[in-house]
PDB file of N, CA and C in Angstrom:
ATOM      1  N   UNK A   1     -10.251  43.577  -9.538  1.00  0.00           N
ATOM      2  CA  UNK A   1      -9.201  43.179  -8.493  1.00  0.00           C
ATOM      3  C   UNK A   1      -9.537  41.951  -8.016  1.00  0.00           C
ATOM      4  N   UNK A   2      -8.008  41.387  -7.795  1.00  0.00           N
ATOM      5  CA  UNK A   2      -8.215  39.845  -7.034  1.00  0.00           C
ATOM      6  C   UNK A   2      -8.182  39.884  -5.592  1.00  0.00           C
ATOM      7  N   UNK A   3      -9.247  39.168  -4.961  1.00  0.00           N
ATOM      8  CA  UNK A   3      -9.433  39.063  -3.554  1.00  0.00           C
ATOM      9  C   UNK A   3      -8.231  38.236  -3.278  1.00  0.00           C
ATOM     10  N   UNK A   4      -7.810  38.738  -2.168  1.00  0.00           N
ATOM     11  CA  UNK A   4      -6.697  38.037  -1.092  1.00  0.00           C
ATOM     12  C   UNK A   4      -7.536  37.090  -0.164  1.00  0.00           C
ATOM     13  N   UNK A   5      -6.616  35.808  -0.089  1.00  0.00           N
ATOM     14  CA  UNK A   5      -7.239  34.578   0.470  1.00  0.00           C
ATOM     15  C   UNK A   5      -7.595  35.018   2.058  1.00  0.00           C
ATOM     16  N   UNK A   6      -8.645  34.463   2.635  1.00  0.00           N
ATOM     17  CA  UNK A   6      -9.021  34.838   3.895  1.00  0.00           C
ATOM     18  C   UNK A   6      -7.712  34.093   4.969  1.00  0.00           C
ATOM     19  N   UNK A   7      -7.308  35.018   5.857  1.00  0.00           N
ATOM     20  CA  UNK A   7      -6.194  34.684   6.772  1.00  0.00           C
ATOM     21  C   UNK A   7      -6.869  33.876   8.165  1.00  0.00           C
ATOM     22  N   UNK A   8      -6.087  32.792   8.369  1.00  0.00           N
ATOM     23  CA  UNK A   8      -6.330  32.118   9.826  1.00  0.00           C
ATOM     24  C   UNK A   8      -5.442  32.104  10.530  1.00  0.00           C
ATOM     25  N   UNK A   9      -5.571  31.478  12.003  1.00  0.00           N
ATOM     26  CA  UNK A   9      -4.400  31.281  12.942  1.00  0.00           C
ATOM     27  C   UNK A   9      -4.546  30.036  13.478  1.00  0.00           C
ATOM     28  N   UNK A  10      -3.738  29.359  14.043  1.00  0.00           N
ATOM     29  CA  UNK A  10      -3.786  28.034  15.020  1.00  0.00           C
ATOM     30  C   UNK A  10      -2.495  28.387  15.769  1.00  0.00           C
ATOM     31  N   UNK A  11      -2.887  28.114  17.241  1.00  0.00           N
ATOM     32  CA  UNK A  11      -1.913  28.172  18.231  1.00  0.00           C
ATOM     33  C   UNK A  11      -1.919  26.863  19.225  1.00  0.00           C
ATOM     34  N   UNK A  12      -0.717  26.544  19.503  1.00  0.00           N
ATOM     35  CA  UNK A  12      -0.504  25.347  20.184  1.00  0.00           C
ATOM     36  C   UNK A  12       1.008  25.062  20.404  1.00  0.00           C
ATOM     37  N   UNK A  13       1.310  24.095  20.609  1.00  0.00           N
ATOM     38  CA  UNK A  13       2.857  23.613  21.251  1.00  0.00           C
ATOM     39  C   UNK A  13       3.363  22.722  20.053  1.00  0.00           C
ATOM     40  N   UNK A  14       4.744  23.246  19.903  1.00  0.00           N
ATOM     41  CA  UNK A  14       5.220  22.436  18.412  1.00  0.00           C
ATOM     42  C   UNK A  14       5.690  21.116  19.089  1.00  0.00           C
ATOM     43  N   UNK A  15       5.279  20.173  18.427  1.00  0.00           N
ATOM     44  CA  UNK A  15       5.747  18.591  18.704  1.00  0.00           C
ATOM     45  C   UNK A  15       6.510  18.095  17.509  1.00  0.00           C
ATOM     46  N   UNK A  16       6.854  18.727  16.434  1.00  0.00           N
ATOM     47  CA  UNK A  16       7.677  18.100  15.421  1.00  0.00           C
ATOM     48  C   UNK A  16       7.650  19.520  14.597  1.00  0.00           C
ATOM     49  N   UNK A  17       9.180  19.392  13.935  1.00  0.00           N
ATOM     50  CA  UNK A  17       9.539  20.431  13.225  1.00  0.00           C
ATOM     51  C   UNK A  17      10.610  20.130  12.159  1.00  0.00           C
ATOM     52  N   UNK A  18      10.335  20.272  10.968  1.00  0.00           N
ATOM     53  CA  UNK A  18      11.355  20.199   9.645  1.00  0.00           C
ATOM     54  C   UNK A  18      11.471  21.524   9.054  1.00  0.00           C
ATOM     55  N   UNK A  19      12.374  21.290   7.963  1.00  0.00           N
ATOM     56  CA  UNK A  19      12.446  22.689   7.180  1.00  0.00           C
ATOM     57  C   UNK A  19      11.355  22.811   6.411  1.00  0.00           C
ATOM     58  N   UNK A  20      10.379  21.685   6.220  1.00  0.00           N
ATOM     59  CA  UNK A  20       9.294  21.956   5.479  1.00  0.00           C
ATOM     60  C   UNK A  20       7.976  21.722   6.048  1.00  0.00           C
ATOM     61  N   UNK A  21       7.921  21.734   7.286  1.00  0.00           N
ATOM     62  CA  UNK A  21       6.539  21.489   8.136  1.00  0.00           C
ATOM     63  C   UNK A  21       6.848  21.755   9.573  1.00  0.00           C
ATOM     64  N   UNK A  22       5.824  22.281  10.203  1.00  0.00           N
ATOM     65  CA  UNK A  22       5.483  22.445  11.791  1.00  0.00           C
ATOM     66  C   UNK A  22       4.233  21.495  12.096  1.00  0.00           C
ATOM     67  N   UNK A  23       4.353  20.851  13.072  1.00  0.00           N
ATOM     68  CA  UNK A  23       3.444  20.161  13.621  1.00  0.00           C
ATOM     69  C   UNK A  23       3.073  20.826  14.957  1.00  0.00           C
ATOM     70  N   UNK A  24       1.846  21.098  15.199  1.00  0.00           N
ATOM     71  CA  UNK A  24       1.476  21.861  16.331  1.00  0.00           C
ATOM     72  C   UNK A  24       0.373  20.991  16.850  1.00  0.00           C
ATOM     73  N   UNK A  25       0.584  20.759  18.467  1.00  0.00           N
ATOM     74  CA  UNK A  25      -0.575  20.079  19.154  1.00  0.00           C
ATOM     75  C   UNK A  25      -1.504  21.321  19.827  1.00  0.00           C
ATOM     76  N   UNK A  26      -2.755  21.178  19.440  1.00  0.00           N
ATOM     77  CA  UNK A  26      -3.573  22.231  20.190  1.00  0.00           C
ATOM     78  C   UNK A  26      -3.942  21.761  21.397  1.00  0.00           C
ATOM     79  N   UNK A  27      -4.579  22.834  22.171  1.00  0.00           N
ATOM     80  CA  UNK A  27      -4.919  22.613  23.734  1.00  0.00           C
ATOM     81  C   UNK A  27      -6.026  21.660  23.607  1.00  0.00           C
ATOM     82  N   UNK A  28      -6.858  21.212  22.776  1.00  0.00           N
ATOM     83  CA  UNK A  28      -7.906  20.473  22.574  1.00  0.00           C
ATOM     84  C   UNK A  28      -7.372  18.972  22.301  1.00  0.00           C
ATOM     85  N   UNK A  29      -6.034  18.981  21.782  1.00  0.00           N
ATOM     86  CA  UNK A  29      -5.636  17.385  21.549  1.00  0.00           C
ATOM     87  C   UNK A  29      -5.547  17.558  20.224  1.00  0.00           C
ATOM     88  N   UNK A  30      -5.996  18.432  19.270  1.00  0.00           N
ATOM     89  CA  UNK A  30      -5.922  18.170  17.579  1.00  0.00           C
ATOM     90  C   UNK A  30      -4.670  18.450  17.289  1.00  0.00           C
ATOM     91  N   UNK A  31      -3.818  17.770  16.190  1.00  0.00           N
ATOM     92  CA  UNK A  31      -2.652  18.093  15.698  1.00  0.00           C
ATOM     93  C   UNK A  31      -3.022  18.512  14.524  1.00  0.00           C
ATOM     94  N   UNK A  32      -2.036  19.626  14.393  1.00  0.00           N
ATOM     95  CA  UNK A  32      -1.910  20.417  13.000  1.00  0.00           C
ATOM     96  C   UNK A  32      -0.880  20.481  12.153  1.00  0.00           C
ATOM     97  N   UNK A  33      -0.695  19.907  10.967  1.00  0.00           N
ATOM     98  CA  UNK A  33       0.524  19.970  10.537  1.00  0.00           C
ATOM     99  C   UNK A  33       0.493  21.009   9.220  1.00  0.00           C
ATOM    100  N   UNK A  34       1.329  22.136   9.498  1.00  0.00           N
ATOM    101  CA  UNK A  34       1.254  23.026   8.410  1.00  0.00           C
ATOM    102  C   UNK A  34       2.663  23.125   7.725  1.00  0.00           C
ATOM    103  N   UNK A  35       2.545  23.313   6.310  1.00  0.00           N
ATOM    104  CA  UNK A  35       3.655  23.142   5.363  1.00  0.00           C
ATOM    105  C   UNK A  35       4.258  24.596   5.481  1.00  0.00           C
ATOM    106  N   UNK A  36       5.690  24.787   5.251  1.00  0.00           N
ATOM    107  CA  UNK A  36       6.412  25.809   5.420  1.00  0.00           C
ATOM    108  C   UNK A  36       7.625  26.012   4.158  1.00  0.00           C
ATOM    109  N   UNK A  37       7.859  27.157   3.837  1.00  0.00           N
ATOM    110  CA  UNK A  37       9.101  27.117   2.881  1.00  0.00           C
ATOM    111  C   UNK A  37      10.078  28.256   3.271  1.00  0.00           C
ATOM    112  N   UNK A  38      10.840  28.520   2.235  1.00  0.00           N
ATOM    113  CA  UNK A  38      11.946  29.504   2.505  1.00  0.00           C
ATOM    114  C   UNK A  38      11.438  30.857   2.584  1.00  0.00           C
ATOM    115  N   UNK A  39       9.992  31.127   2.259  1.00  0.00           N
ATOM    116  CA  UNK A  39       9.146  32.481   2.437  1.00  0.00           C
ATOM    117  C   UNK A  39       8.550  32.495   3.787  1.00  0.00           C
ATOM    118  N   UNK A  40       8.656  31.527   4.330  1.00  0.00           N
ATOM    119  CA  UNK A  40       7.676  31.495   5.830  1.00  0.00           C
ATOM    120  C   UNK A  40       8.574  32.565   6.769  1.00  0.00           C
ATOM    121  N   UNK A  41       7.877  33.482   6.947  1.00  0.00           N
ATOM    122  CA  UNK A  41       8.729  34.541   8.037  1.00  0.00           C
ATOM    123  C   UNK A  41       8.604  33.942   9.418  1.00  0.00           C
ATOM    124  N   UNK A  42       9.667  33.882  10.175  1.00  0.00           N
ATOM    125  CA  UNK A  42       9.558  33.512  11.485  1.00  0.00           C
ATOM    126  C   UNK A  42      10.153  34.549  12.548  1.00  0.00           C
ATOM    127  N   UNK A  43       9.328  34.805  13.628  1.00  0.00           N
ATOM    128  CA  UNK A  43       9.566  35.797  14.660  1.00  0.00           C
ATOM    129  C   UNK A  43      10.231  34.883  15.844  1.00  0.00           C
ATOM    130  N   UNK A  44      11.311  35.098  16.243  1.00  0.00           N
ATOM    131  CA  UNK A  44      11.706  34.343  17.248  1.00  0.00           C
ATOM    132  C   UNK A  44      12.376  32.818  16.840  1.00  0.00           C
ATOM    133  N   UNK A  45      12.477  31.864  17.718  1.00  0.00           N
ATOM    134  CA  UNK A  45      13.183  30.675  17.253  1.00  0.00           C
ATOM    135  C   UNK A  45      12.183  29.699  17.381  1.00  0.00           C
ATOM    136  N   UNK A  46      12.036  28.956  16.229  1.00  0.00           N
ATOM    137  CA  UNK A  46      11.081  27.692  16.478  1.00  0.00           C
ATOM    138  C   UNK A  46      11.886  26.575  17.098  1.00  0.00           C
ATOM    139  N   UNK A  47      11.026  25.885  18.060  1.00  0.00           N
ATOM    140  CA  UNK A  47      11.870  24.697  18.636  1.00  0.00           C
ATOM    141  C   UNK A  47      10.689  23.881  19.221  1.00  0.00           C
ATOM    142  N   UNK A  48      10.887  22.822  19.107  1.00  0.00           N
ATOM    143  CA  UNK A  48      10.039  21.624  19.692  1.00  0.00           C
ATOM    144  C   UNK A  48       9.841  21.956  21.153  1.00  0.00           C
ATOM    145  N   UNK A  49       8.408  22.035  21.515  1.00  0.00           N
ATOM    146  CA  UNK A  49       8.061  22.329  23.053  1.00  0.00           C
ATOM    147  C   UNK A  49       7.731  23.887  23.355  1.00  0.00           C
ATOM    148  N   UNK A  50       8.190  24.595  22.064  1.00  0.00           N
ATOM    149  CA  UNK A  50       7.725  26.043  22.422  1.00  0.00           C
ATOM    150  C   UNK A  50       6.286  26.248  21.645  1.00  0.00           C
ATOM    151  N   UNK A  51       5.737  27.266  22.613  1.00  0.00           N
ATOM    152  CA  UNK A  51       4.384  27.652  21.993  1.00  0.00           C
ATOM    153  C   UNK A  51       4.509  28.565  20.831  1.00  0.00           C
ATOM    154  N   UNK A  52       3.505  28.223  20.010  1.00  0.00           N
ATOM    155  CA  UNK A  52       3.696  29.130  18.693  1.00  0.00           C
ATOM    156  C   UNK A  52       2.250  29.343  18.063  1.00  0.00           C
ATOM    157  N   UNK A  53       2.119  30.497  17.608  1.00  0.00           N
ATOM    158  CA  UNK A  53       0.778  30.932  16.934  1.00  0.00           C
ATOM    159  C   UNK A  53       1.222  30.808  15.333  1.00  0.00           C
ATOM    160  N   UNK A  54       0.742  30.105  14.553  1.00  0.00           N
ATOM    161  CA  UNK A  54       0.754  30.240  13.159  1.00  0.00           C
ATOM    162  C   UNK A  54      -0.216  30.812  12.220  1.00  0.00           C
ATOM    163  N   UNK A  55       0.010  31.601  11.513  1.00  0.00           N
ATOM    164  CA  UNK A  55      -1.011  32.658  10.690  1.00  0.00           C
ATOM    165  C   UNK A  55      -0.705  31.872   9.331  1.00  0.00           C
ATOM    166  N   UNK A  56      -2.098  31.722   8.859  1.00  0.00           N
ATOM    167  CA  UNK A  56      -1.799  30.932   7.351  1.00  0.00           C
ATOM    168  C   UNK A  56      -2.996  31.131   6.607  1.00  0.00           C
ATOM    169  N   UNK A  57      -3.171  30.961   5.196  1.00  0.00           N
ATOM    170  CA  UNK A  57      -4.204  30.991   4.414  1.00  0.00           C
ATOM    171  C   UNK A  57      -4.342  29.836   3.411  1.00  0.00           C
ATOM    172  N   UNK A  58      -5.578  29.672   3.042  1.00  0.00           N
ATOM    173  CA  UNK A  58      -5.833  28.228   2.171  1.00  0.00           C
ATOM    174  C   UNK A  58      -5.702  28.713   0.739  1.00  0.00           C
ATOM    175  N   UNK A  59      -5.134  28.058   0.008  1.00  0.00           N
ATOM    176  CA  UNK A  59      -4.837  27.857  -1.505  1.00  0.00           C
ATOM    177  C   UNK A  59      -5.420  26.769  -2.157  1.00  0.00           C
ATOM    178  N   UNK A  60      -6.107  26.564  -3.214  1.00  0.00           N
ATOM    179  CA  UNK A  60      -6.233  25.466  -3.877  1.00  0.00           C
ATOM    180  C   UNK A  60      -5.032  24.862  -4.829  1.00  0.00           C
ATOM    181  N   UNK A  61      -4.941  23.498  -4.422  1.00  0.00           N
ATOM    182  CA  UNK A  61      -3.680  23.050  -5.294  1.00  0.00           C
ATOM    183  C   UNK A  61      -4.530  22.621  -6.730  1.00  0.00           C
ATOM    184  N   UNK A  62      -5.653  22.148  -6.814  1.00  0.00           N
ATOM    185  CA  UNK A  62      -6.170  21.583  -7.789  1.00  0.00           C
ATOM    186  C   UNK A  62      -7.977  21.808  -7.604  1.00  0.00           C
ATOM    187  N   UNK A  63      -8.541  21.632  -8.664  1.00  0.00           N
ATOM    188  CA  UNK A  63     -10.027  21.484  -8.590  1.00  0.00           C
ATOM    189  C   UNK A  63     -10.531  20.409  -9.720  1.00  0.00           C
ATOM    190  N   UNK A  64     -11.351  19.636  -9.247  1.00  0.00           N
ATOM    191  CA  UNK A  64     -11.977  18.637 -10.351  1.00  0.00           C
ATOM    192  C   UNK A  64     -13.667  18.687 -10.247  1.00  0.00           C
ATOM    193  N   UNK A  65     -14.111  18.989 -11.438  1.00  0.00           N
ATOM    194  CA  UNK A  65     -15.662  18.908 -11.492  1.00  0.00           C
ATOM    195  C   UNK A  65     -16.028  17.563 -11.640  1.00  0.00           C
ATOM    196  N   UNK A  66     -17.375  17.182 -11.311  1.00  0.00           N
ATOM    197  CA  UNK A  66     -17.904  15.813 -11.334  1.00  0.00           C
ATOM    198  C   UNK A  66     -19.153  15.902 -12.313  1.00  0.00           C
TER     199      UNK A  66
END
Protein backbone atom coordinates (compact mmCIF):
# COMPACT_ATOMS: atom_id res chain seq x y z
CA UNK A 1 0.00 0.00 0.00
CA UNK A 2 1.20 3.49 -0.83
CA UNK A 3 1.95 5.81 2.07
CA UNK A 4 0.25 9.21 2.18
CA UNK A 5 2.51 12.27 2.33
CA UNK A 6 2.93 13.73 5.82
CA UNK A 7 0.70 16.75 6.40
CA UNK A 8 1.90 20.11 7.75
CA UNK A 9 0.39 23.47 8.58
CA UNK A 10 1.40 27.13 8.61
CA UNK A 11 -0.48 29.96 10.34
CA UNK A 12 -0.15 33.68 9.72
CA UNK A 13 -1.65 36.75 8.10
CA UNK A 14 -2.42 36.77 4.38
CA UNK A 15 -0.26 39.47 2.74
CA UNK A 16 -0.84 38.51 -0.90
CA UNK A 17 -3.49 36.44 -2.64
CA UNK A 18 -4.01 35.29 -6.23
CA UNK A 19 -5.95 32.46 -7.86
CA UNK A 20 -2.72 30.42 -7.84
CA UNK A 21 -1.06 31.33 -4.54
CA UNK A 22 -1.41 32.56 -0.97
CA UNK A 23 1.45 34.42 0.74
CA UNK A 24 1.36 34.30 4.54
CA UNK A 25 3.43 36.36 6.98
CA UNK A 26 4.13 34.32 10.12
CA UNK A 27 4.46 35.90 13.57
CA UNK A 28 8.26 35.39 13.42
CA UNK A 29 8.48 37.46 10.21
CA UNK A 30 8.92 34.55 7.78
CA UNK A 31 6.96 34.79 4.52
CA UNK A 32 5.53 31.57 3.12
CA UNK A 33 4.18 31.29 -0.43
CA UNK A 34 1.87 28.33 -0.91
CA UNK A 35 0.58 27.31 -4.34
CA UNK A 36 -3.14 26.59 -4.69
CA UNK A 37 -5.46 25.38 -7.45
CA UNK A 38 -9.13 24.68 -8.12
CA UNK A 39 -8.97 21.62 -5.83
CA UNK A 40 -7.86 23.66 -2.79
CA UNK A 41 -10.65 23.54 -0.21
CA UNK A 42 -11.38 26.88 1.45
CA UNK A 43 -13.47 27.34 4.59
CA UNK A 44 -14.54 30.96 4.99
CA UNK A 45 -13.32 33.83 2.82
CA UNK A 46 -9.67 34.37 1.91
CA UNK A 47 -8.78 38.06 2.09
CA UNK A 48 -5.55 40.03 2.51
CA UNK A 49 -5.18 40.89 6.19
CA UNK A 50 -7.08 37.83 7.45
CA UNK A 51 -5.39 35.31 9.71
CA UNK A 52 -5.31 31.87 8.13
CA UNK A 53 -4.07 28.36 8.79
CA UNK A 54 -3.00 26.51 5.65
CA UNK A 55 -2.73 22.72 5.67
CA UNK A 56 -0.38 21.28 3.04
CA UNK A 57 1.79 18.31 2.12
CA UNK A 58 5.03 17.99 0.18
CA UNK A 59 5.29 16.17 -3.14
CA UNK A 60 8.47 15.94 -5.23
CA UNK A 61 8.25 17.58 -8.66
CA UNK A 62 11.40 15.85 -9.86
CA UNK A 63 14.47 13.99 -8.64
CA UNK A 64 18.01 13.92 -9.99
CA UNK A 65 20.78 11.56 -8.96
CA UNK A 66 24.44 12.58 -9.00
